[in-house]
Amino acid sequence: MKGSFVSFWRKSIAAAKLAVLTHLEYRLNFFIDGYFQPAITTMVEIALWYGIWHQGGFDSLNGFGLDSYLSYALWATFVARVTANWQYEFMMMEDVVSGKLNAILLRPFSFYSFYLSQFLGYKITVLAGTISVPLVASVFFGLPAHLERLPLVFLLLIFYLLFVHTLSFFLACFSFYMTRAHSLTVGKNIVLWVLAGELFPLDLIPEPFAKWAILSPFSSGAYIPVAYITGRIEVHAVYQAFLSISVSLVVISIFAALIWSQGVKRYSGTGA
């Protein structure tokens, strides 16, 4: 048992290193993905909040001042950049469609675990670097941010990445049955863009929709970690998010395992 775990751990680390080295080989792409794009999005959202605030003549909105919304916009775009997944989802779909899955199935490492290790390796690298931007900016501009809460936020984000990858694996399994399963990824990303709370804090949605959105596992993609850092919510909401992700992860894993097993049985690749 111990030997099997050590072997699995070594394979996972090797796959994670492969992903990190591959992305760092193209440093400009890494810089644009982790820093430039979320920075541009942040500036646009901050400008929008300034415009909304001054045109509306607000003193506060939903109990929070302008500095709270500026801090939320700053953190949300960078956090959402970490939790987004489309690249590895496309890669998994392409492996099924192109026939490369034949070769991957022969490896002593499962298809799911192989891409999970790469996904986590790359995303943890991005997380370690890109989060420094809102952290430094919050301190420099004096925006509300409880930096002592970052360790629990990091743990939540990593757990959410496990859920997101499993969801991506589930959608990738539809490539066994659809020729254009990539459209599912596009639809999923649009839904997550709204339900994660990247665009605006989910507590601004009218009730009871706000409560449902916050209770969903998708809110951990931006709203829950950012709201916790900026002081909009307390720790009990984070614990609730862990529970929501856990339940959703179990459900998605069951469906993913079923559709994968049936898909592999009927699979006939033309590559490899």
C-alpha atoms as a PDB file:
ATOM      1  CA  MET A   1       0.000   0.000   0.000  1.00  0.00           C
ATOM      2  CA  LYS A   2       2.803   2.392   0.954  1.00  0.00           C
ATOM      3  CA  GLY A   3       4.709   1.556  -2.232  1.00  0.00           C
ATOM      4  CA  SER A   4       1.637   2.250  -4.361  1.00  0.00           C
ATOM      5  CA  PHE A   5       1.127   5.620  -2.707  1.00  0.00           C
ATOM      6  CA  VAL A   6       4.779   6.599  -3.179  1.00  0.00           C
ATOM      7  CA  SER A   7       4.590   5.576  -6.842  1.00  0.00           C
ATOM      8  CA  PHE A   8       1.379   7.573  -7.346  1.00  0.00           C
ATOM      9  CA  TRP A   9       2.899  10.591  -5.593  1.00  0.00           C
ATOM     10  CA  ARG A  10       6.001  10.514  -7.787  1.00  0.00           C
ATOM     11  CA  LYS A  11       3.935  10.273 -10.938  1.00  0.00           C
ATOM     12  CA  SER A  12       1.757  13.188  -9.790  1.00  0.00           C
ATOM     13  CA  ILE A  13       4.771  15.382  -9.024  1.00  0.00           C
ATOM     14  CA  ALA A  14       6.339  14.526 -12.384  1.00  0.00           C
ATOM     15  CA  ALA A  15       3.121  15.468 -14.234  1.00  0.00           C
ATOM     16  CA  ALA A  16       2.829  18.694 -12.233  1.00  0.00           C
ATOM     17  CA  LYS A  17       6.425  19.651 -13.034  1.00  0.00           C
ATOM     18  CA  LEU A  18       5.771  18.932 -16.701  1.00  0.00           C
ATOM     19  CA  ALA A  19       2.846  21.372 -16.709  1.00  0.00           C
ATOM     20  CA  VAL A  20       4.808  24.100 -14.915  1.00  0.00           C
ATOM     21  CA  LEU A  21       7.841  23.769 -17.184  1.00  0.00           C
ATOM     22  CA  THR A  22       5.655  23.728 -20.300  1.00  0.00           C
ATOM     23  CA  HIS A  23       3.904  26.961 -19.350  1.00  0.00           C
ATOM     24  CA  LEU A  24       7.055  28.705 -18.130  1.00  0.00           C
ATOM     25  CA  GLU A  25       8.710  27.887 -21.435  1.00  0.00           C
ATOM     26  CA  TYR A  26       6.383  30.485 -22.946  1.00  0.00           C
ATOM     27  CA  ARG A  27       6.927  33.210 -20.370  1.00  0.00           C
ATOM     28  CA  LEU A  28       5.039  35.881 -22.274  1.00  0.00           C
ATOM     29  CA  ASN A  29       1.898  33.721 -22.366  1.00  0.00           C
ATOM     30  CA  PHE A  30       2.290  33.020 -18.648  1.00  0.00           C
ATOM     31  CA  PHE A  31       2.657  36.739 -17.917  1.00  0.00           C
ATOM     32  CA  ILE A  32      -0.397  37.646 -19.990  1.00  0.00           C
ATOM     33  CA  ASP A  33      -2.512  34.863 -18.458  1.00  0.00           C
ATOM     34  CA  GLY A  34      -1.500  35.431 -14.834  1.00  0.00           C
ATOM     35  CA  TYR A  35      -0.891  39.173 -14.664  1.00  0.00           C
ATOM     36  CA  PHE A  36      -1.681  41.314 -17.697  1.00  0.00           C
ATOM     37  CA  GLN A  37      -5.201  40.099 -18.497  1.00  0.00           C
ATOM     38  CA  PRO A  38      -6.550  40.208 -14.906  1.00  0.00           C
ATOM     39  CA  ALA A  39      -4.864  43.596 -14.397  1.00  0.00           C
ATOM     40  CA  ILE A  40      -6.687  45.052 -17.409  1.00  0.00           C
ATOM     41  CA  THR A  41      -9.975  43.528 -16.242  1.00  0.00           C
ATOM     42  CA  THR A  42      -9.421  44.967 -12.762  1.00  0.00           C
ATOM     43  CA  MET A  43      -8.893  48.495 -14.099  1.00  0.00           C
ATOM     44  CA  VAL A  44     -12.072  48.252 -16.174  1.00  0.00           C
ATOM     45  CA  GLU A  45     -14.151  47.035 -13.216  1.00  0.00           C
ATOM     46  CA  ILE A  46     -12.723  49.659 -10.871  1.00  0.00           C
ATOM     47  CA  ALA A  47     -13.615  52.349 -13.414  1.00  0.00           C
ATOM     48  CA  LEU A  48     -17.140  50.931 -13.639  1.00  0.00           C
ATOM     49  CA  TRP A  49     -17.572  50.968  -9.858  1.00  0.00           C
ATOM     50  CA  TYR A  50     -16.333  54.560  -9.688  1.00  0.00           C
ATOM     51  CA  GLY A  51     -18.840  55.529 -12.372  1.00  0.00           C
ATOM     52  CA  ILE A  52     -21.732  53.676 -10.713  1.00  0.00           C
ATOM     53  CA  TRP A  53     -20.909  55.160  -7.328  1.00  0.00           C
ATOM     54  CA  HIS A  54     -20.648  58.777  -8.383  1.00  0.00           C
ATOM     55  CA  GLN A  55     -23.569  58.698 -10.812  1.00  0.00           C
ATOM     56  CA  GLY A  56     -25.759  57.031  -8.203  1.00  0.00           C
ATOM     57  CA  GLY A  57     -24.643  59.299  -5.360  1.00  0.00           C
ATOM     58  CA  PHE A  58     -24.291  56.361  -2.956  1.00  0.00           C
ATOM     59  CA  ASP A  59     -22.905  56.619   0.557  1.00  0.00           C
ATOM     60  CA  SER A  60     -23.012  52.834   0.823  1.00  0.00           C
ATOM     61  CA  LEU A  61     -24.430  49.913  -1.100  1.00  0.00           C
ATOM     62  CA  ASN A  62     -25.759  46.865   0.714  1.00  0.00           C
ATOM     63  CA  GLY A  63     -23.963  48.117   3.817  1.00  0.00           C
ATOM     64  CA  PHE A  64     -20.512  48.509   2.227  1.00  0.00           C
ATOM     65  CA  GLY A  65     -18.653  51.587   1.038  1.00  0.00           C
ATOM     66  CA  LEU A  66     -16.851  52.270  -2.223  1.00  0.00           C
ATOM     67  CA  ASP A  67     -13.482  51.059  -0.884  1.00  0.00           C
ATOM     68  CA  SER A  68     -15.036  47.640  -0.196  1.00  0.00           C
ATOM     69  CA  TYR A  69     -16.218  47.322  -3.812  1.00  0.00           C
ATOM     70  CA  LEU A  70     -12.883  48.491  -5.187  1.00  0.00           C
ATOM     71  CA  SER A  71     -11.116  45.900  -3.042  1.00  0.00           C
ATOM     72  CA  TYR A  72     -13.564  43.238  -4.223  1.00  0.00           C
ATOM     73  CA  ALA A  73     -12.962  44.124  -7.883  1.00  0.00           C
ATOM     74  CA  LEU A  74      -9.206  44.017  -7.321  1.00  0.00           C
ATOM     75  CA  TRP A  75      -9.177  40.575  -5.696  1.00  0.00           C
ATOM     76  CA  ALA A  76     -12.004  38.957  -7.688  1.00  0.00           C
ATOM     77  CA  THR A  77     -10.395  39.193 -11.121  1.00  0.00           C
ATOM     78  CA  PHE A  78      -7.102  37.674  -9.978  1.00  0.00           C
ATOM     79  CA  VAL A  79      -8.758  34.921  -7.928  1.00  0.00           C
ATOM     80  CA  ALA A  80     -11.126  34.075 -10.793  1.00  0.00           C
ATOM     81  CA  ARG A  81      -8.129  33.818 -13.103  1.00  0.00           C
ATOM     82  CA  VAL A  82      -6.689  31.143 -10.829  1.00  0.00           C
ATOM     83  CA  THR A  83      -9.911  29.123 -10.598  1.00  0.00           C
ATOM     84  CA  ALA A  84     -10.842  29.222 -14.303  1.00  0.00           C
ATOM     85  CA  ASN A  85     -10.337  26.038 -16.311  1.00  0.00           C
ATOM     86  CA  TRP A  86     -10.757  25.654 -20.039  1.00  0.00           C
ATOM     87  CA  GLN A  87      -7.305  24.786 -21.378  1.00  0.00           C
ATOM     88  CA  TYR A  88      -6.982  21.337 -19.779  1.00  0.00           C
ATOM     89  CA  GLU A  89     -10.658  20.679 -20.419  1.00  0.00           C
ATOM     90  CA  PHE A  90     -10.059  21.272 -24.130  1.00  0.00           C
ATOM     91  CA  MET A  91      -6.979  19.050 -23.990  1.00  0.00           C
ATOM     92  CA  MET A  92      -8.936  16.162 -22.483  1.00  0.00           C
ATOM     93  CA  MET A  93     -11.649  16.529 -25.103  1.00  0.00           C
ATOM     94  CA  GLU A  94      -9.082  16.645 -27.880  1.00  0.00           C
ATOM     95  CA  ASP A  95      -7.441  13.443 -26.624  1.00  0.00           C
ATOM     96  CA  VAL A  96     -10.748  11.614 -26.954  1.00  0.00           C
ATOM     97  CA  VAL A  97     -11.669  13.060 -30.346  1.00  0.00           C
ATOM     98  CA  SER A  98      -8.222  12.662 -31.931  1.00  0.00           C
ATOM     99  CA  GLY A  99      -7.602   9.108 -30.713  1.00  0.00           C
ATOM    100  CA  LYS A 100      -4.703  10.022 -28.408  1.00  0.00           C
ATOM    101  CA  LEU A 101      -6.662   8.477 -25.572  1.00  0.00           C
ATOM    102  CA  ASN A 102      -5.557   5.037 -26.794  1.00  0.00           C
ATOM    103  CA  ALA A 103      -1.962   5.765 -25.843  1.00  0.00           C
ATOM    104  CA  ILE A 104      -2.904   7.461 -22.581  1.00  0.00           C
ATOM    105  CA  LEU A 105      -4.959   4.448 -21.443  1.00  0.00           C
ATOM    106  CA  LEU A 106      -1.823   2.308 -21.682  1.00  0.00           C
ATOM    107  CA  ARG A 107       0.044   4.472 -19.181  1.00  0.00           C
ATOM    108  CA  PRO A 108       0.330   3.318 -15.545  1.00  0.00           C
ATOM    109  CA  PHE A 109      -1.459   6.523 -14.558  1.00  0.00           C
ATOM    110  CA  SER A 110      -5.167   7.261 -14.926  1.00  0.00           C
ATOM    111  CA  PHE A 111      -6.403   9.815 -17.452  1.00  0.00           C
ATOM    112  CA  TYR A 112      -8.109  11.796 -14.661  1.00  0.00           C
ATOM    113  CA  SER A 113      -5.066  11.825 -12.368  1.00  0.00           C
ATOM    114  CA  PHE A 114      -2.644  12.688 -15.155  1.00  0.00           C
ATOM    115  CA  TYR A 115      -4.487  15.880 -16.045  1.00  0.00           C
ATOM    116  CA  LEU A 116      -5.356  16.683 -12.426  1.00  0.00           C
ATOM    117  CA  SER A 117      -1.651  16.721 -11.519  1.00  0.00           C
ATOM    118  CA  GLN A 118      -0.861  19.010 -14.442  1.00  0.00           C
ATOM    119  CA  PHE A 119      -3.811  21.288 -13.694  1.00  0.00           C
ATOM    120  CA  LEU A 120      -2.987  21.661  -9.997  1.00  0.00           C
ATOM    121  CA  GLY A 121       0.724  22.102 -10.691  1.00  0.00           C
ATOM    122  CA  TYR A 122       0.089  24.960 -13.076  1.00  0.00           C
ATOM    123  CA  LYS A 123      -2.663  26.620 -11.044  1.00  0.00           C
ATOM    124  CA  ILE A 124      -0.752  26.518  -7.751  1.00  0.00           C
ATOM    125  CA  THR A 125       2.165  28.185  -9.545  1.00  0.00           C
ATOM    126  CA  VAL A 126      -0.178  30.885 -10.855  1.00  0.00           C
ATOM    127  CA  LEU A 127      -1.761  31.268  -7.410  1.00  0.00           C
ATOM    128  CA  ALA A 128       1.604  31.747  -5.716  1.00  0.00           C
ATOM    129  CA  GLY A 129       2.550  34.501  -8.138  1.00  0.00           C
ATOM    130  CA  THR A 130      -0.542  36.348  -9.284  1.00  0.00           C
ATOM    131  CA  ILE A 131      -2.080  36.811  -5.814  1.00  0.00           C
ATOM    132  CA  SER A 132       0.882  39.021  -4.927  1.00  0.00           C
ATOM    133  CA  VAL A 133      -0.615  41.753  -7.140  1.00  0.00           C
ATOM    134  CA  PRO A 134      -3.874  42.373  -5.202  1.00  0.00           C
ATOM    135  CA  LEU A 135      -1.995  41.756  -1.953  1.00  0.00           C
ATOM    136  CA  VAL A 136       0.539  44.525  -2.617  1.00  0.00           C
ATOM    137  CA  ALA A 137      -2.090  46.822  -4.149  1.00  0.00           C
ATOM    138  CA  SER A 138      -4.379  46.441  -1.106  1.00  0.00           C
ATOM    139  CA  VAL A 139      -1.595  47.435   1.248  1.00  0.00           C
ATOM    140  CA  PHE A 140      -0.367  50.294  -0.960  1.00  0.00           C
ATOM    141  CA  PHE A 141      -3.809  51.861  -1.516  1.00  0.00           C
ATOM    142  CA  GLY A 142      -5.157  51.036   1.949  1.00  0.00           C
ATOM    143  CA  LEU A 143      -8.065  48.948   0.701  1.00  0.00           C
ATOM    144  CA  PRO A 144      -9.884  46.622   3.128  1.00  0.00           C
ATOM    145  CA  ALA A 145      -8.219  43.199   3.135  1.00  0.00           C
ATOM    146  CA  HIS A 146      -7.824  40.719   6.004  1.00  0.00           C
ATOM    147  CA  LEU A 147      -4.511  39.215   4.937  1.00  0.00           C
ATOM    148  CA  GLU A 148      -4.402  36.880   7.935  1.00  0.00           C
ATOM    149  CA  ARG A 149      -7.272  34.991   6.290  1.00  0.00           C
ATOM    150  CA  LEU A 150      -5.197  34.043   3.230  1.00  0.00           C
ATOM    151  CA  PRO A 151      -4.135  30.536   4.436  1.00  0.00           C
ATOM    152  CA  LEU A 152      -7.747  29.346   4.722  1.00  0.00           C
ATOM    153  CA  VAL A 153      -8.564  31.023   1.397  1.00  0.00           C
ATOM    154  CA  PHE A 154      -5.684  29.194  -0.305  1.00  0.00           C
ATOM    155  CA  LEU A 155      -6.951  25.895   1.083  1.00  0.00           C
ATOM    156  CA  LEU A 156     -10.468  26.628  -0.193  1.00  0.00           C
ATOM    157  CA  LEU A 157      -9.144  27.553  -3.637  1.00  0.00           C
ATOM    158  CA  ILE A 158      -7.148  24.335  -3.966  1.00  0.00           C
ATOM    159  CA  PHE A 159     -10.188  22.311  -2.911  1.00  0.00           C
ATOM    160  CA  TYR A 160     -12.291  24.212  -5.451  1.00  0.00           C
ATOM    161  CA  LEU A 161      -9.729  23.444  -8.157  1.00  0.00           C
ATOM    162  CA  LEU A 162     -10.245  19.747  -7.449  1.00  0.00           C
ATOM    163  CA  PHE A 163     -13.981  20.239  -7.970  1.00  0.00           C
ATOM    164  CA  VAL A 164     -13.486  22.290 -11.149  1.00  0.00           C
ATOM    165  CA  HIS A 165     -11.182  19.661 -12.640  1.00  0.00           C
ATOM    166  CA  THR A 166     -13.685  16.914 -11.865  1.00  0.00           C
ATOM    167  CA  LEU A 167     -16.409  18.980 -13.530  1.00  0.00           C
ATOM    168  CA  SER A 168     -14.135  19.441 -16.549  1.00  0.00           C
ATOM    169  CA  PHE A 169     -13.452  15.704 -16.653  1.00  0.00           C
ATOM    170  CA  PHE A 170     -17.206  15.063 -16.563  1.00  0.00           C
ATOM    171  CA  LEU A 171     -17.792  17.417 -19.501  1.00  0.00           C
ATOM    172  CA  ALA A 172     -14.805  15.981 -21.392  1.00  0.00           C
ATOM    173  CA  CYS A 173     -16.426  12.536 -21.173  1.00  0.00           C
ATOM    174  CA  PHE A 174     -19.201  13.810 -23.454  1.00  0.00           C
ATOM    175  CA  SER A 175     -16.616  13.757 -26.238  1.00  0.00           C
ATOM    176  CA  PHE A 176     -17.338  10.026 -26.444  1.00  0.00           C
ATOM    177  CA  TYR A 177     -20.847  10.880 -27.599  1.00  0.00           C
ATOM    178  CA  MET A 178     -20.549  14.360 -29.203  1.00  0.00           C
ATOM    179  CA  THR A 179     -18.370  15.651 -32.010  1.00  0.00           C
ATOM    180  CA  ARG A 180     -18.428  19.243 -30.711  1.00  0.00           C
ATOM    181  CA  ALA A 181     -18.308  18.837 -26.960  1.00  0.00           C
ATOM    182  CA  HIS A 182     -16.191  21.999 -26.760  1.00  0.00           C
ATOM    183  CA  SER A 183     -19.428  23.997 -26.838  1.00  0.00           C
ATOM    184  CA  LEU A 184     -20.185  22.618 -23.363  1.00  0.00           C
ATOM    185  CA  THR A 185     -17.008  24.279 -22.089  1.00  0.00           C
ATOM    186  CA  VAL A 186     -18.041  27.633 -23.525  1.00  0.00           C
ATOM    187  CA  GLY A 187     -21.472  27.380 -21.918  1.00  0.00           C
ATOM    188  CA  LYS A 188     -19.984  26.267 -18.595  1.00  0.00           C
ATOM    189  CA  ASN A 189     -17.539  29.176 -18.533  1.00  0.00           C
ATOM    190  CA  ILE A 190     -20.316  31.708 -19.138  1.00  0.00           C
ATOM    191  CA  VAL A 191     -22.386  30.249 -16.304  1.00  0.00           C
ATOM    192  CA  LEU A 192     -19.395  30.171 -13.943  1.00  0.00           C
ATOM    193  CA  TRP A 193     -18.475  33.745 -14.860  1.00  0.00           C
ATOM    194  CA  VAL A 194     -21.802  34.854 -13.381  1.00  0.00           C
ATOM    195  CA  LEU A 195     -22.297  32.323 -10.571  1.00  0.00           C
ATOM    196  CA  ALA A 196     -18.726  32.586  -9.291  1.00  0.00           C
ATOM    197  CA  GLY A 197     -19.207  36.267  -8.525  1.00  0.00           C
ATOM    198  CA  GLU A 198     -16.321  37.560 -10.625  1.00  0.00           C
ATOM    199  CA  LEU A 199     -18.350  40.377 -12.170  1.00  0.00           C
ATOM    200  CA  PHE A 200     -20.040  41.607  -8.973  1.00  0.00           C
ATOM    201  CA  PRO A 201     -20.578  40.408  -5.377  1.00  0.00           C
ATOM    202  CA  LEU A 202     -23.288  37.767  -5.257  1.00  0.00           C
ATOM    203  CA  ASP A 203     -24.900  39.397  -2.205  1.00  0.00           C
ATOM    204  CA  LEU A 204     -26.172  42.150  -4.537  1.00  0.00           C
ATOM    205  CA  ILE A 205     -28.538  39.672  -6.226  1.00  0.00           C
ATOM    206  CA  PRO A 206     -32.153  39.910  -4.949  1.00  0.00           C
ATOM    207  CA  GLU A 207     -33.238  37.241  -2.473  1.00  0.00           C
ATOM    208  CA  PRO A 208     -33.781  34.312  -2.533  1.00  0.00           C
ATOM    209  CA  PHE A 209     -31.514  34.051  -5.590  1.00  0.00           C
ATOM    210  CA  ALA A 210     -28.540  35.501  -3.723  1.00  0.00           C
ATOM    211  CA  LYS A 211     -28.783  32.803  -1.059  1.00  0.00           C
ATOM    212  CA  TRP A 212     -28.984  30.036  -3.660  1.00  0.00           C
ATOM    213  CA  ALA A 213     -26.039  31.443  -5.614  1.00  0.00           C
ATOM    214  CA  ILE A 214     -23.876  31.748  -2.502  1.00  0.00           C
ATOM    215  CA  LEU A 215     -24.754  28.214  -1.390  1.00  0.00           C
ATOM    216  CA  SER A 216     -23.744  26.766  -4.745  1.00  0.00           C
ATOM    217  CA  PRO A 217     -20.213  25.365  -5.080  1.00  0.00           C
ATOM    218  CA  PHE A 218     -19.493  27.822  -7.917  1.00  0.00           C
ATOM    219  CA  SER A 219     -19.454  30.788  -5.511  1.00  0.00           C
ATOM    220  CA  SER A 220     -16.119  29.485  -4.211  1.00  0.00           C
ATOM    221  CA  GLY A 221     -14.602  30.364  -7.584  1.00  0.00           C
ATOM    222  CA  ALA A 222     -14.473  34.051  -6.608  1.00  0.00           C
ATOM    223  CA  TYR A 223     -17.165  35.352  -4.253  1.00  0.00           C
ATOM    224  CA  ILE A 224     -16.530  33.295  -1.100  1.00  0.00           C
ATOM    225  CA  PRO A 225     -12.717  33.673  -0.981  1.00  0.00           C
ATOM    226  CA  VAL A 226     -12.807  37.336  -2.010  1.00  0.00           C
ATOM    227  CA  ALA A 227     -15.707  38.269   0.282  1.00  0.00           C
ATOM    228  CA  TYR A 228     -13.885  36.577   3.166  1.00  0.00           C
ATOM    229  CA  ILE A 229     -10.649  38.456   2.464  1.00  0.00           C
ATOM    230  CA  THR A 230     -12.406  41.809   2.082  1.00  0.00           C
ATOM    231  CA  GLY A 231     -14.585  41.346   5.175  1.00  0.00           C
ATOM    232  CA  ARG A 232     -17.997  40.927   3.542  1.00  0.00           C
ATOM    233  CA  ILE A 233     -18.519  37.492   5.153  1.00  0.00           C
ATOM    234  CA  GLU A 234     -17.193  35.597   8.166  1.00  0.00           C
ATOM    235  CA  VAL A 235     -15.552  32.203   8.529  1.00  0.00           C
ATOM    236  CA  HIS A 236     -18.797  30.206   8.871  1.00  0.00           C
ATOM    237  CA  ALA A 237     -19.560  30.983   5.219  1.00  0.00           C
ATOM    238  CA  VAL A 238     -16.192  29.500   4.244  1.00  0.00           C
ATOM    239  CA  TYR A 239     -16.935  26.301   6.166  1.00  0.00           C
ATOM    240  CA  GLN A 240     -20.293  26.175   4.421  1.00  0.00           C
ATOM    241  CA  ALA A 241     -18.460  26.504   1.089  1.00  0.00           C
ATOM    242  CA  PHE A 242     -16.255  23.507   1.931  1.00  0.00           C
ATOM    243  CA  LEU A 243     -19.403  21.478   2.607  1.00  0.00           C
ATOM    244  CA  SER A 244     -21.066  22.609  -0.626  1.00  0.00           C
ATOM    245  CA  ILE A 245     -17.996  21.685  -2.670  1.00  0.00           C
ATOM    246  CA  SER A 246     -17.695  18.309  -0.926  1.00  0.00           C
ATOM    247  CA  VAL A 247     -21.284  17.316  -1.692  1.00  0.00           C
ATOM    248  CA  SER A 248     -21.044  18.543  -5.273  1.00  0.00           C
ATOM    249  CA  LEU A 249     -17.719  16.782  -5.764  1.00  0.00           C
ATOM    250  CA  VAL A 250     -19.189  13.450  -4.709  1.00  0.00           C
ATOM    251  CA  VAL A 251     -22.188  13.856  -7.031  1.00  0.00           C
ATOM    252  CA  ILE A 252     -20.122  14.957 -10.042  1.00  0.00           C
ATOM    253  CA  SER A 253     -17.575  12.194  -9.423  1.00  0.00           C
ATOM    254  CA  ILE A 254     -20.289   9.514  -9.516  1.00  0.00           C
ATOM    255  CA  PHE A 255     -21.749  10.794 -12.785  1.00  0.00           C
ATOM    256  CA  ALA A 256     -18.273  11.285 -14.289  1.00  0.00           C
ATOM    257  CA  ALA A 257     -17.258   7.721 -13.374  1.00  0.00           C
ATOM    258  CA  LEU A 258     -20.425   6.317 -14.962  1.00  0.00           C
ATOM    259  CA  ILE A 259     -20.171   8.223 -18.220  1.00  0.00           C
ATOM    260  CA  TRP A 260     -16.415   7.515 -18.431  1.00  0.00           C
ATOM    261  CA  SER A 261     -16.825   3.761 -17.984  1.00  0.00           C
ATOM    262  CA  GLN A 262     -19.557   3.614 -20.616  1.00  0.00           C
ATOM    263  CA  GLY A 263     -17.632   5.872 -22.960  1.00  0.00           C
ATOM    264  CA  VAL A 264     -14.429   3.820 -22.799  1.00  0.00           C
ATOM    265  CA  LYS A 265     -16.380   0.668 -23.606  1.00  0.00           C
ATOM    266  CA  ARG A 266     -17.714   2.117 -26.841  1.00  0.00           C
ATOM    267  CA  TYR A 267     -14.576   4.055 -27.687  1.00  0.00           C
ATOM    268  CA  SER A 268     -12.683   3.349 -30.886  1.00  0.00           C
ATOM    269  CA  GLY A 269      -9.764   5.682 -31.516  1.00  0.00           C
ATOM    270  CA  THR A 270      -8.151   6.367 -34.843  1.00  0.00           C
ATOM    271  CA  GLY A 271      -4.909   7.867 -33.531  1.00  0.00           C
ATOM    272  CA  ALA A 272      -2.046   6.453 -31.463  1.00  0.00           C
END
